[in-house]
Each structure stands twice: as C-alpha cells, then as structure tokens.
Amino acid sequence: MSHHQVVELDDEDDDFDILEEIVRKRASNVEMTSINKKTNRQPEKSDSHTMSTWQDVTQMRPAMGVPVFPATLREERSPFPVTPDMEFTGPGAFAVNGISANRDDIIEEAVDQEPVDALATATQIPEHENIEDSSLLENTGTDTTVPNHRSMKYWRQRLLFVLSLEANVVLLSVVVTLLVIMAVSLRGHDNSDTSQSTDTKVPSKFPGLAAMPTMEPPNFLDSLHLPDYTLEALENPRSPQSKAYEWLISNINNKTSTLNNLPKWRLKQRFSLATFYYSTRGGFWVKNGGWLEWETNECDWEQLYRHQESSPEVNCNEMGEIKALVFCIANNMDGTIPPEISFLGKSLQLLYLCRQQQLRGSIPTALGELTQLNELALTATGISGTIPRELGLMTNLGQLKLIQNNLLGSIPSELGKLYNMTIFRLSEAELTGSIPTEFYQWHKLEILGVMECPKLNTELVLSEIAESIQQVQSIMLIQRAHGDKMAIPSHLDKLTKLSDLALNDWNISGTIPSNFGDLTELILLDLENNSISGTFPQVLFKLTNMVHLNLGSNRLEGKLPLKIFAQLTHLRHLSLGDNQFSGTIPTEVGLLSSLMKLDIQNTELSGTLPTELLQLENLTSFVVTNTSLRGSIPESLCDRMHQQISGYFGGGKFHQKIEGPICQGTLLCGCDCDPCPVD
C-alpha cells in the first residue's frame, strides 16, 4: 500500500496543470516550491464534466503569465476531458477514482529526468494500487480500495503528450536557429561584396558607437585600416573621431544617397576630413561651405586662401584625392589638429593653418606619415609643445613654416634629413639650444628665417651657410640669443645669389666688410639694432638693386653721402634713424622717385626741408622726430601721410604703420605741427 498526500490546487485549476508545470520547470530549470493560490474558494460541482482541460488551463494561464491559445485550437488539441471519476474533493484537492496523486513527487521526478526517462518513470506506476488515507476518506467518502487502471492510463497518455510537445518545441527552436544563422551568414557575405550596410551593432569595444547601425562593423573598421590611436578614440562617444564615424556610417546607410557605394579610400578620406571638422568645431567656423554635406564632393568643400603661394589651382588631384588643406584666413577654428589628418598621406601636398588663434594642443606626431607633403605652415596659432622629430619622415617636404606659435624645447636633428627643404621659417618661439648641424645638409635651401627666438643660439648659422649652402637667396636671422659681440663674417661674398639679408638685433659690432659689395643681387639689407660704427658704408653704393635699406639704431655718424640718393634710385624704404648723422638733407633726395618711407628721426640733421621732397609722389611716411630740421611742410605732402603700407621681401610680408609727420623736438610747422607764422 502506498500513502500519498492530497495535492493542493487552485480552485480553478485542474490536473493538467501538473503536466504543464513539468514543461515549465524543465524549460526554466527553476526549483518548484508550490503552486498554491491565495484564494480558497471551492469550485462548485456540476453535472457537466465535459469542459476541456485546456479550457481550465486557460483560466490559470493569465495568472501565471502563460500565453492563451485560441479556444478552437485548445478544444482540438485537448485529448484529456475532465470525466466524472475526476472529482474535486475539497478546498484545493482532487482525486481520480478516489486515488490521490502525489503531485510534487511526479513533477520533481519528471523534471530531473530526460524526456525518455520521465516517460519511463510514469509508465512504471503500478496498474492497481490501493491507498488508505483518512483525510482522503474524509473529503471524498469513497472506498479505500479502488482499482487504478484508468488513472494510470490517464497519466501515461498525458505525460506522453506533454513530453512529445516539448520535444517538438525544441526541434522547432533548433530549426529556426539554423535558419537565422544561415540568413545572417548570407547577408554578411553580400555586405562584404557590395559594401552595403546592415543593422548589426558596433562591438561593445566602442560604446560610443553601440547604437549605430553599420555595415558589418568589424569588417568595415578592418577595411579602413584605422590605427590604434583612432580605435582608442572611438571608445569615447564624445570624441571627434566617434562623431565623424557616426556621420560616415549614417550616410552610408542612407539608401537614397547616390554616394553610398564609395570606395574605401574615399570613405577614409571623408572620415579624416570629418574628424578635422569636429576636432576644430567646424560648426562654428566663419566659412564652412559644403563641409559634411554628403552629396557634395569633398574636393568642393570650402577652403580659405590668402596668398598666391598657398593657393593651389584645385583642392584635389585628377583621382579625387585631397592634395590641399588650406585655411590662411582667420576662421574661428577652436580645438586641436587630429592625428587622422595623416590619413591623407598618399595625396596631401599642402597643409596651411594660419591665423587660427584658438587652435591649440601640440603638433601631432602622426603628421610624419604625410610623406607626400610639400608645404607645411602653422602660423599665428595657439599650438604649443615641441617640434616632433617624426616630421623628419616627411622626405618630400620642401617648405616648413612654424611662425608665431608657442613652441618649446629644441629643434630635433631629425629635420636635417629633409634634403628637399627650400624654405624654413621659424619665429616667435621659446626654443632653446642651437640650429642642428644637420641643417647645413639642406643643399636646396633658398630661404632661411629664424626670427624672435631669443633663447636659440644662431651664432654659427651665418658662417656655416656661407660655406655649405651657397645658393641660398634669403637669410633672416632676427634677435640672436645674447652673447658676445660678433662681426659680420667676411666670406659672405660667396653667397652670390643672396637677395635678402636681415640680421636685426644680432649684437654685431665693427664695420661692414668691403667685399659686401659683391652681393650684387641684394635687394633687402636690414641691420637694425646692432653696434655697427663708422660713417655711412661706402661699399653699399655698389648695391644698385637695393630696395629696402635699414641701418637704424646703430652707431653710424657723419654726413649723408650724396651717392645714397644718386645711385640707389630703386630704394623704397630708407631708415637711418637713431644714429649720429649730421648736416642737411641733400637736395638729391628728389631722385628717389620710388621712395615710400624716409626715417631720419633721432639724428643730428638740421637745416630746412628741401623742396625736392615734393617730387616724391610715393612718399607716405616721413619720420623726423627729434631733429633740428626747420621750416614748413608742404600741404601736398601732408595729404599723403595718413595711409598704411605693406610689402614683401624674400617671400616674407611686412606691415608698416604710417606715422605721419611727427613734429616733437623739431622746428617744423604745418600739417600736424604748429601753424607756420604768417609773413
């Protein structure tokens, strides 16, 4: 005899709930604790016991979160009707032909076994089993010895049905999974061939891109061959790289776009430019026409040129590759230069970023990958840090201009490997050390400018260049690091092609060498703020092509030679102020028909102004402060004294503010001076 406990059930449940619980517990593998409900209402007995078990289950399903099948389907699939021998025996209890079923034992044993084993367990229940249970007798009033053949068949059928249903569900899931895998695989193959996008998400390695639909992100990223520094930047959703990538992918996935099948190099080119745009806050540029307009060719995205030297005919080559990125007019760029500019390394020839004061950060070392670059100019920016030695890898670089930045450190010797260098300009930096000797291997050098770098030692530059780079055309060395006084090297006469020579604030003493007159190509000579002594250098009269002569702030003395005005007739700028010149202004000054500026302030010149000054129709700056000159200034000369002039020398631009006739310390009258007395 077996003794079983009566199973407590919900008042609206039935015995089929046992089988359904087996399925649910086997699927979720969650331990069954109870299936008791809070209500204890007894179901009313009814003469009609033909309601489908599936209909009873339907009433339980909403409470258990189980989907409800359509009624017709439930009725068709329900082979187990509730029969008269299945009676509710009390609150939450039932018996089949008076035999109580130990529900928990059946569920737990079936859940723990494989479907075949569970079916075997059920079939091993004895065909006839008696039970003695006082509680059962109390609730049912039936006899304690009742044949159970119908009950056992009932349970076998039901369990067999549920287990077969479970097996069908598993089989169906496997088939669906295989179909999904095949579909994804086929679509991935299509994407690799056509570069079309799918809805696959970007890997979690890049959380900033996680919500973007992409074209097979891992394969797409690999095809772009992005460097590690870009992949790391993509991990930050707010980085310019992430924003550029999102812009790129969103447009690639635009089915209506006519440019969603661009080759990989075009996509990488656009990604590079978009990164530059976001890194410098392109949305706030003064001029950004066409930028990030997907249907506009990137060759037509607006750039800003200023001088002819930085104005290519077109931005791209015949293949559509970017060859120029030029912004030489203030454009409100705010940010840093992204290293992704280096992605243009196979085509970019010009990179000019000028007058962008809010451009900060350091020069990216990745610029060394721009192996086709011919010209690099970073002028008047907020860029700081050191000059990367990687710039020495740009073997095609011919022009390097680092002007008015906040650069520190020393000049890397690796730059000496730039054997194609023709123009090198460096100014207004806190660089230390000296010019590397490797620079004197630049045998193609034409223009050298190192200006206002007071901590940089340039003492040996002039003599080294005179010995090794004799084809040089322009040398501008301004503000040498303070040290011992030095003389102008005597062998400068070897620089027969020299057209511009500026040695401002270079602590030069002595006189100008006699062989200086052999520099017959010289058009600009600026020796201001030194300690050159003696009379006006007679050797300069041989330099008949001279246009700009500045000998101001030296220790020159004596009278002004007539030959200055008779032989240097091409002069436009003549600055002799802050010396000890004496005497009068020769009347031959009228021969300088091209003269635009005459500065003789703070000298000992005296006498009246020659009337020949009226012949100088181009004269717009006449500076005579603190002299002994007297007389009236012609009105026709006054009208030309309030303009601004500018010009170019050696490829460099200068600005000259027009001072006008300053009368302080003079006896002059008229114009802005005191009124002339009436006769």
Foldseek 3Di string as FASTA:
>chain_A
DDAADFAFAAQLAFDLVLLVLLLVCLVVVDDDDHHDDPDQDHDDDDPDQQDFNLVSVQVVCVVVVHDRDDPVVSVVPGPDTGDPQWDAQGGRGIDGVLHHDRSVVLSVVLSVDQLVVSLVVLLPDDQFDFYDDVVSCVRHVDDRGGGCNVVSVSSSVSSVVSSVVSVVVVVVVVVVVVVVVVVVVVVLVVCVVQVAWDQDAADVLQVLRRRAGARPVVVLVVVLVDDPVLSVQSNDNLAQLNVLVSLLGVVLNPPPDPCNRPDSLQSLQLSLQSSQCVQQVVVQWPAFPPRSPVNDQPQPTDEDDDDPVQDDPTQFDPVSQGAEHEHADATQGAHENDLSNLSSLVHHAYYYDHQPARYEEEDDLSVLSNQNYAEDADENYAYEEEDHLSVLSNLNHAEYHYYNYAYEEEDDLSVLSNLNHAYYEAEDYQYAEEDDPSVLSNQNHAEYYYEHNQRYAHPCVQVSCLVRRLQHAEYAYYRHHDDDEAARDQSNLSNLNHAYDHYHNVQHEEADDLSVLSNLNHAYYHHEQYAYEEEDDPSCLSNLNHAYDAPYNYAHEEEDDLSVLVRNLNYAYDAHANYAYEEEDDLSVLSNQNHAEDHHAHYAYEEEDHPSVVSNPNHQAYEHAQYAYAEEDDPVNLVRHQDWDWDDDPNDIDTDHRPGYDQHNYHYADRPHPHDDDD
